[in-house]
């Protein structure tokens, strides 16, 4: 059986057949213009992944690559049922929520321990292949009475992924990266084929489509942690699309590049859950992905036209990083724009 459409092909097909989510051409251009002002600065630079985020590893070594693999293996479903009651993790005097609560918990575990113990080796496959549910609950414990969502799934996926990493790649994700021969696409497909929890595939209008949100962000974060050099010098990094989640559609609606039908907007405002693979859920993810591809194309045109100097290659990975941070920084402005609620392991 043929594989599903690629994320980019899937997104184009969904956008062409969408009933409840629409891309606004004028909004696309306005977002591209907003980004144009950032192209020569640090925000759209590969180095921003480390420079702007204190929880990300500083090093560009095997340990850092294994850290990226664990965090992206567990990079799903952090939204809270109630905004005022959420999972929070304190680390080195700061409190983190959402995805950053996961990173903080991983770093806290690595730091914990008693002399001469170096801490909990949560980024070591030989540890997490057999880690117990009780240990996982301790490692990812919240400072509030709201636990991290889907903790049993996180435990199951850690065990499954750790065993596969030991069997196929001698326990190190860097060995998997090296098998990709510096191809982002090859690495993405290797991850999807090797690790079941990364298979973000569903149906739409009779076609098998893929988003591969976590597989793509894993490739992107590997590129970023290795600073685009050595094993992380992916010649085709620009083939990776944005990572279809629930924050990016929200910010694209806020910026006017994406629009929802009245029916869908009412549903989201009521906080109704959308199941993974539901038509409207697929349309939100697919149209947001295609929207970012159009924003990138428009931005590249503007750069060429205005002769702007860029700090490096402009691709959808860097646009996603910037827009995701923008969404977190402008949460107060986006209060009236709902994000869709889907509880699953894929994003």
Protein backbone atom coordinates (compact mmCIF):
# COMPACT_ATOMS: atom_id res chain seq x y z
CA UNK A 1 0.00 0.00 0.00
CA UNK A 2 1.29 3.45 -0.89
CA UNK A 3 2.18 5.74 1.98
CA UNK A 4 0.10 8.79 2.89
CA UNK A 5 0.51 12.18 1.25
CA UNK A 6 3.44 14.14 2.71
CA UNK A 7 2.58 16.90 5.23
CA UNK A 8 2.97 19.55 2.51
CA UNK A 9 0.86 17.62 -0.04
CA UNK A 10 -1.70 16.87 2.68
CA UNK A 11 -1.98 20.53 3.66
CA UNK A 12 -2.46 21.71 0.06
CA UNK A 13 -5.15 19.07 -0.52
CA UNK A 14 -6.96 19.97 2.72
CA UNK A 15 -6.85 23.72 2.00
CA UNK A 16 -8.33 23.10 -1.47
CA UNK A 17 -11.21 21.05 0.01
CA UNK A 18 -11.84 22.84 3.30
CA UNK A 19 -15.40 23.79 4.33
CA UNK A 20 -14.88 25.48 7.69
CA UNK A 21 -11.33 26.89 7.65
CA UNK A 22 -10.10 29.43 5.10
CA UNK A 23 -6.81 31.15 4.29
CA UNK A 24 -7.02 34.92 3.81
CA UNK A 25 -4.58 36.15 1.15
CA UNK A 26 -4.42 39.68 2.54
CA UNK A 27 -3.77 38.28 6.02
CA UNK A 28 -0.98 36.09 4.65
CA UNK A 29 0.70 39.18 3.19
CA UNK A 30 0.30 41.16 6.44
CA UNK A 31 1.98 38.36 8.44
CA UNK A 32 4.78 38.20 5.85
CA UNK A 33 5.26 41.98 6.27
CA UNK A 34 5.34 41.60 10.06
CA UNK A 35 8.04 38.94 9.65
CA UNK A 36 10.00 41.04 7.13
CA UNK A 37 10.92 43.40 9.96
CA UNK A 38 12.50 40.44 11.81
CA UNK A 39 14.59 38.82 9.07
CA UNK A 40 17.84 40.58 9.86
CA UNK A 41 17.47 40.17 13.63
CA UNK A 42 17.97 37.25 16.03
CA UNK A 43 14.31 36.08 16.05
CA UNK A 44 14.44 34.36 12.65
CA UNK A 45 17.95 33.04 13.09
CA UNK A 46 18.87 29.39 13.67
CA UNK A 47 20.68 30.45 16.86
CA UNK A 48 17.41 31.69 18.42
CA UNK A 49 16.51 28.14 19.52
CA UNK A 50 19.33 28.23 22.05
CA UNK A 51 19.69 31.99 22.55
CA UNK A 52 16.03 32.70 23.39
CA UNK A 53 15.18 29.56 25.41
CA UNK A 54 17.10 28.89 28.60
CA UNK A 55 15.79 25.33 29.06
CA UNK A 56 17.17 24.09 25.74
CA UNK A 57 20.62 22.44 25.87
CA UNK A 58 23.61 24.73 25.35
CA UNK A 59 25.85 21.99 23.96
CA UNK A 60 25.80 20.50 20.43
CA UNK A 61 26.70 16.93 21.43
CA UNK A 62 25.22 13.43 21.71
CA UNK A 63 23.73 14.11 25.16
CA UNK A 64 21.93 17.19 23.79
CA UNK A 65 20.56 15.19 20.83
CA UNK A 66 19.24 12.53 23.25
CA UNK A 67 17.61 15.33 25.31
CA UNK A 68 15.86 16.59 22.15
CA UNK A 69 14.67 13.07 21.34
CA UNK A 70 13.07 12.54 24.77
CA UNK A 71 11.37 15.94 24.90
CA UNK A 72 9.96 15.62 21.37
CA UNK A 73 8.86 12.04 22.02
CA UNK A 74 6.74 13.49 24.85
CA UNK A 75 5.88 16.77 23.11
CA UNK A 76 2.09 16.47 23.06
CA UNK A 77 -1.10 17.62 24.77
CA UNK A 78 -0.19 20.21 27.39
CA UNK A 79 -3.36 22.31 27.27
CA UNK A 80 -5.41 22.61 30.46
CA UNK A 81 -9.14 22.08 30.83
CA UNK A 82 -9.23 25.30 32.88
CA UNK A 83 -6.75 28.11 32.30
CA UNK A 84 -6.53 28.90 36.01
CA UNK A 85 -5.82 25.25 36.96
CA UNK A 86 -2.82 23.88 35.12
CA UNK A 87 0.26 21.73 35.48
CA UNK A 88 3.20 23.93 36.55
CA UNK A 89 6.81 22.91 37.11
CA UNK A 90 9.24 25.02 39.10
CA UNK A 91 12.91 24.87 38.13
CA UNK A 92 15.81 27.06 39.23
CA UNK A 93 13.57 29.75 40.64
CA UNK A 94 11.15 29.97 37.69
CA UNK A 95 7.78 28.36 37.02
CA UNK A 96 6.97 26.83 33.65
CA UNK A 97 3.73 25.73 31.97
CA UNK A 98 2.82 23.90 28.75
CA UNK A 99 5.64 22.35 26.74
CA UNK A 100 8.19 24.19 28.87
CA UNK A 101 6.90 22.37 31.97
CA UNK A 102 8.04 19.14 30.28
CA UNK A 103 11.51 20.57 29.53
CA UNK A 104 11.79 21.91 33.07
CA UNK A 105 10.82 18.49 34.49
CA UNK A 106 13.44 16.74 32.33
CA UNK A 107 16.14 19.20 33.42
CA UNK A 108 15.02 18.95 37.07
CA UNK A 109 15.30 15.15 36.88
CA UNK A 110 18.79 15.33 35.36
CA UNK A 111 19.86 17.69 38.18
CA UNK A 112 18.26 15.67 40.97
CA UNK A 113 20.02 13.02 42.92
CA UNK A 114 22.19 12.55 45.89
CA UNK A 115 25.98 12.43 45.97
CA UNK A 116 27.55 10.62 44.16
CA UNK A 117 24.42 10.02 42.03
CA UNK A 118 24.37 12.36 38.98
CA UNK A 119 20.57 12.56 38.98
CA UNK A 120 17.82 10.64 37.19
CA UNK A 121 19.05 9.60 33.70
CA UNK A 122 15.73 10.40 32.00
CA UNK A 123 17.45 11.01 28.62
CA UNK A 124 19.11 7.56 28.64
CA UNK A 125 17.22 4.92 26.63
CA UNK A 126 18.42 2.13 28.93
CA UNK A 127 16.69 3.98 31.80
CA UNK A 128 13.41 5.00 30.18
CA UNK A 129 12.93 1.68 28.35
CA UNK A 130 12.09 0.15 31.75
CA UNK A 131 11.05 3.21 33.80
CA UNK A 132 7.92 2.53 35.90
CA UNK A 133 4.71 4.56 35.88
CA UNK A 134 5.43 5.61 39.47
CA UNK A 135 8.87 6.93 38.44
CA UNK A 136 7.37 8.79 35.47
CA UNK A 137 4.75 10.36 37.75
CA UNK A 138 7.56 11.50 40.05
CA UNK A 139 9.77 12.87 37.25
CA UNK A 140 6.92 14.83 35.66
CA UNK A 141 5.23 15.83 38.93
CA UNK A 142 3.44 19.17 38.97
CA UNK A 143 3.83 21.88 41.61
CA UNK A 144 0.03 22.18 41.54
CA UNK A 145 -2.66 19.54 42.08
CA UNK A 146 -3.13 19.33 38.29
CA UNK A 147 -0.95 16.51 36.87
CA UNK A 148 0.66 16.60 33.44
CA UNK A 149 -2.01 15.30 30.99
CA UNK A 150 -1.87 11.75 29.56
CA UNK A 151 0.79 10.59 32.04
CA UNK A 152 0.00 6.89 31.45
CA UNK A 153 0.45 7.41 27.69
CA UNK A 154 3.75 9.21 28.32
CA UNK A 155 4.91 6.24 30.39
CA UNK A 156 3.87 3.73 27.71
CA UNK A 157 5.55 5.72 24.93
CA UNK A 158 8.79 6.13 26.91
CA UNK A 159 9.00 2.36 27.43
CA UNK A 160 8.15 1.56 23.81
CA UNK A 161 10.49 4.19 22.34
CA UNK A 162 13.37 3.34 24.68
CA UNK A 163 13.22 -0.35 23.74
CA UNK A 164 13.20 0.46 19.99
CA UNK A 165 16.09 2.94 20.38
CA UNK A 166 18.13 0.24 22.16
CA UNK A 167 17.25 -2.45 19.60
CA UNK A 168 17.67 -0.43 16.40
CA UNK A 169 20.05 2.43 17.23
CA UNK A 170 22.20 1.19 20.13
CA UNK A 171 20.36 3.47 22.53
CA UNK A 172 21.36 6.77 20.93
CA UNK A 173 19.22 8.99 18.71
CA UNK A 174 22.44 10.36 17.18
CA UNK A 175 22.89 6.95 15.47
CA UNK A 176 19.45 7.41 13.92
CA UNK A 177 20.42 10.93 12.78
CA UNK A 178 23.60 9.57 11.17
CA UNK A 179 21.59 7.00 9.18
CA UNK A 180 19.69 9.86 7.53
CA UNK A 181 22.81 10.96 5.60
CA UNK A 182 22.12 14.65 6.29
CA UNK A 183 18.61 14.54 4.81
CA UNK A 184 15.78 16.04 6.86
CA UNK A 185 13.21 14.05 4.85
CA UNK A 186 15.09 10.80 5.30
CA UNK A 187 15.35 11.38 9.05
CA UNK A 188 11.64 12.23 9.31
CA UNK A 189 10.67 9.02 7.50
CA UNK A 190 13.14 6.94 9.52
CA UNK A 191 11.57 8.27 12.74
CA UNK A 192 8.01 7.61 11.52
CA UNK A 193 8.90 4.08 10.35
CA UNK A 194 10.83 3.18 13.51
CA UNK A 195 8.71 4.69 16.31
CA UNK A 196 4.93 4.04 16.26
CA UNK A 197 3.98 7.05 18.43
CA UNK A 198 5.25 9.41 15.71
CA UNK A 199 2.79 8.14 13.06
CA UNK A 200 0.55 11.19 12.83
CA UNK A 201 -1.59 9.91 9.93
CA UNK A 202 -5.35 10.11 9.33
CA UNK A 203 -7.98 10.26 6.54
CA UNK A 204 -9.51 13.22 4.69
CA UNK A 205 -11.79 13.13 1.65
CA UNK A 206 -10.83 9.52 0.93
CA UNK A 207 -7.08 10.12 1.06
CA UNK A 208 -4.50 9.14 3.68
CA UNK A 209 -2.87 12.31 4.91
CA UNK A 210 -0.03 13.02 7.30
CA UNK A 211 1.04 15.92 9.50
CA UNK A 212 3.97 14.25 11.34
CA UNK A 213 4.01 17.14 13.80
CA UNK A 214 6.34 15.51 16.32
CA UNK A 215 8.56 13.85 13.72
CA UNK A 216 9.05 17.18 11.94
CA UNK A 217 9.73 19.11 15.14
CA UNK A 218 12.22 16.40 16.13
CA UNK A 219 14.10 16.91 12.85
CA UNK A 220 13.94 20.70 13.32
CA UNK A 221 15.12 20.61 16.94
CA UNK A 222 17.96 18.24 16.00
CA UNK A 223 19.00 20.73 13.30
CA UNK A 224 18.79 23.53 15.89
CA UNK A 225 20.64 21.79 18.74
CA UNK A 226 23.46 20.82 16.34
CA UNK A 227 23.42 24.41 14.98
CA UNK A 228 22.96 23.15 11.41
CA UNK A 229 26.50 21.74 11.46
CA UNK A 230 28.09 18.29 11.27
CA UNK A 231 25.45 15.55 11.68
CA UNK A 232 22.81 18.29 11.81
CA UNK A 233 23.69 19.87 8.47
CA UNK A 234 20.47 18.89 6.66
CA UNK A 235 20.69 19.96 3.01
CA UNK A 236 16.88 19.84 2.65
CA UNK A 237 15.78 21.46 5.94
CA UNK A 238 13.52 23.82 3.96
CA UNK A 239 11.36 20.80 3.00
CA UNK A 240 10.16 20.56 6.62
CA UNK A 241 6.85 22.38 7.14
CA UNK A 242 5.44 24.02 10.25
CA UNK A 243 4.37 21.70 13.08
CA UNK A 244 0.57 21.46 13.05
CA UNK A 245 -0.59 21.89 16.65
CA UNK A 246 -3.22 23.95 18.50
CA UNK A 247 -1.26 27.19 19.20
CA UNK A 248 -0.25 28.03 15.62
CA UNK A 249 -3.82 28.03 14.21
CA UNK A 250 -4.85 30.33 17.08
CA UNK A 251 -2.12 32.88 16.33
CA UNK A 252 -2.82 32.70 12.56
CA UNK A 253 -6.50 33.53 13.24
CA UNK A 254 -5.40 36.34 15.59
CA UNK A 255 -3.14 37.76 12.84
CA UNK A 256 -5.93 37.51 10.23
CA UNK A 257 -4.27 34.93 7.96
CA UNK A 258 -6.72 32.16 8.86
CA UNK A 259 -10.51 32.37 9.22
CA UNK A 260 -13.09 29.97 10.71
CA UNK A 261 -16.71 29.48 9.65
CA UNK A 262 -19.36 30.78 12.07
CA UNK A 263 -20.33 27.22 12.95
CA UNK A 264 -16.77 26.16 13.77
CA UNK A 265 -16.02 29.35 15.72
CA UNK A 266 -19.15 28.84 17.87
CA UNK A 267 -18.11 25.26 18.57
CA UNK A 268 -14.60 26.33 19.61
CA UNK A 269 -15.90 29.20 21.77
CA UNK A 270 -18.02 26.66 23.67
CA UNK A 271 -14.86 24.63 24.28
CA UNK A 272 -16.25 21.58 22.48
CA UNK A 273 -13.68 18.81 22.02
CA UNK A 274 -12.71 17.79 18.49
CA UNK A 275 -11.52 14.21 18.09
CA UNK A 276 -8.24 13.46 16.33
CA UNK A 277 -9.13 12.85 12.67
CA UNK A 278 -12.45 14.75 12.79
CA UNK A 279 -12.98 16.72 9.59
CA UNK A 280 -12.85 20.12 11.31
CA UNK A 281 -9.78 19.17 13.34
CA UNK A 282 -8.00 18.05 10.15
CA UNK A 283 -9.03 21.29 8.38
CA UNK A 284 -7.64 23.45 11.21
CA UNK A 285 -4.28 21.66 11.15
CA UNK A 286 -4.03 21.34 7.36
CA UNK A 287 -5.01 24.93 6.58
CA UNK A 288 -2.67 26.34 9.23
CA UNK A 289 0.20 24.31 7.74
CA UNK A 290 -0.57 25.48 4.20
CA UNK A 291 -1.03 29.04 5.47
CA UNK A 292 2.53 29.08 6.86
CA UNK A 293 3.86 27.72 3.54
CA UNK A 294 2.15 30.66 1.77
CA UNK A 295 3.48 33.14 4.35
CA UNK A 296 7.00 31.80 3.79
CA UNK A 297 6.67 32.11 -0.01
CA UNK A 298 5.34 35.66 0.33
CA UNK A 299 8.12 36.58 2.79
CA UNK A 300 10.81 35.26 0.43
CA UNK A 301 9.30 37.38 -2.38
CA UNK A 302 9.32 40.48 -0.16
CA UNK A 303 12.94 39.83 0.88
CA UNK A 304 14.00 39.55 -2.76
CA UNK A 305 12.01 42.61 -3.82
CA UNK A 306 13.30 44.84 -1.04
CA UNK A 307 16.83 43.45 -1.08
CA UNK A 308 16.72 42.72 2.65
CA UNK A 309 19.71 41.11 4.31
CA UNK A 310 18.80 37.92 6.19
CA UNK A 311 20.73 36.32 9.04
CA UNK A 312 20.46 32.94 7.25
CA UNK A 313 18.09 30.72 5.30
CA UNK A 314 14.41 31.54 5.91
CA UNK A 315 12.31 28.37 6.19
CA UNK A 316 9.05 27.16 7.73
CA UNK A 317 10.88 25.78 10.78
CA UNK A 318 12.09 29.26 11.79
CA UNK A 319 8.67 30.78 11.03
CA UNK A 320 7.02 28.16 13.27
CA UNK A 321 9.47 28.82 16.11
CA UNK A 322 8.83 32.57 15.86
CA UNK A 323 5.02 32.32 15.61
CA UNK A 324 4.80 29.81 18.47
CA UNK A 325 6.80 32.16 20.72
CA UNK A 326 4.65 35.07 19.48
CA UNK A 327 1.51 33.14 20.50
CA UNK A 328 2.87 32.61 24.03
CA UNK A 329 4.01 36.24 24.34
CA UNK A 330 0.65 37.61 23.14
CA UNK A 331 -1.68 35.30 25.05
CA UNK A 332 -3.50 38.24 26.66
CA UNK A 333 -4.29 39.71 23.20
CA UNK A 334 -5.69 36.38 21.99
CA UNK A 335 -8.13 35.80 24.87
CA UNK A 336 -11.18 36.03 22.58
CA UNK A 337 -9.74 33.60 19.99
CA UNK A 338 -10.19 29.99 21.03
CA UNK A 339 -7.75 27.21 20.24
CA UNK A 340 -9.18 23.82 19.35
CA UNK A 341 -9.24 21.14 22.04
CA UNK A 342 -8.05 17.72 20.90
CA UNK A 343 -6.51 15.30 23.41
CA UNK A 344 -4.09 12.97 21.63
CA UNK A 345 -0.44 11.89 21.53
CA UNK A 346 0.34 13.49 18.16
CA UNK A 347 0.46 17.18 19.22
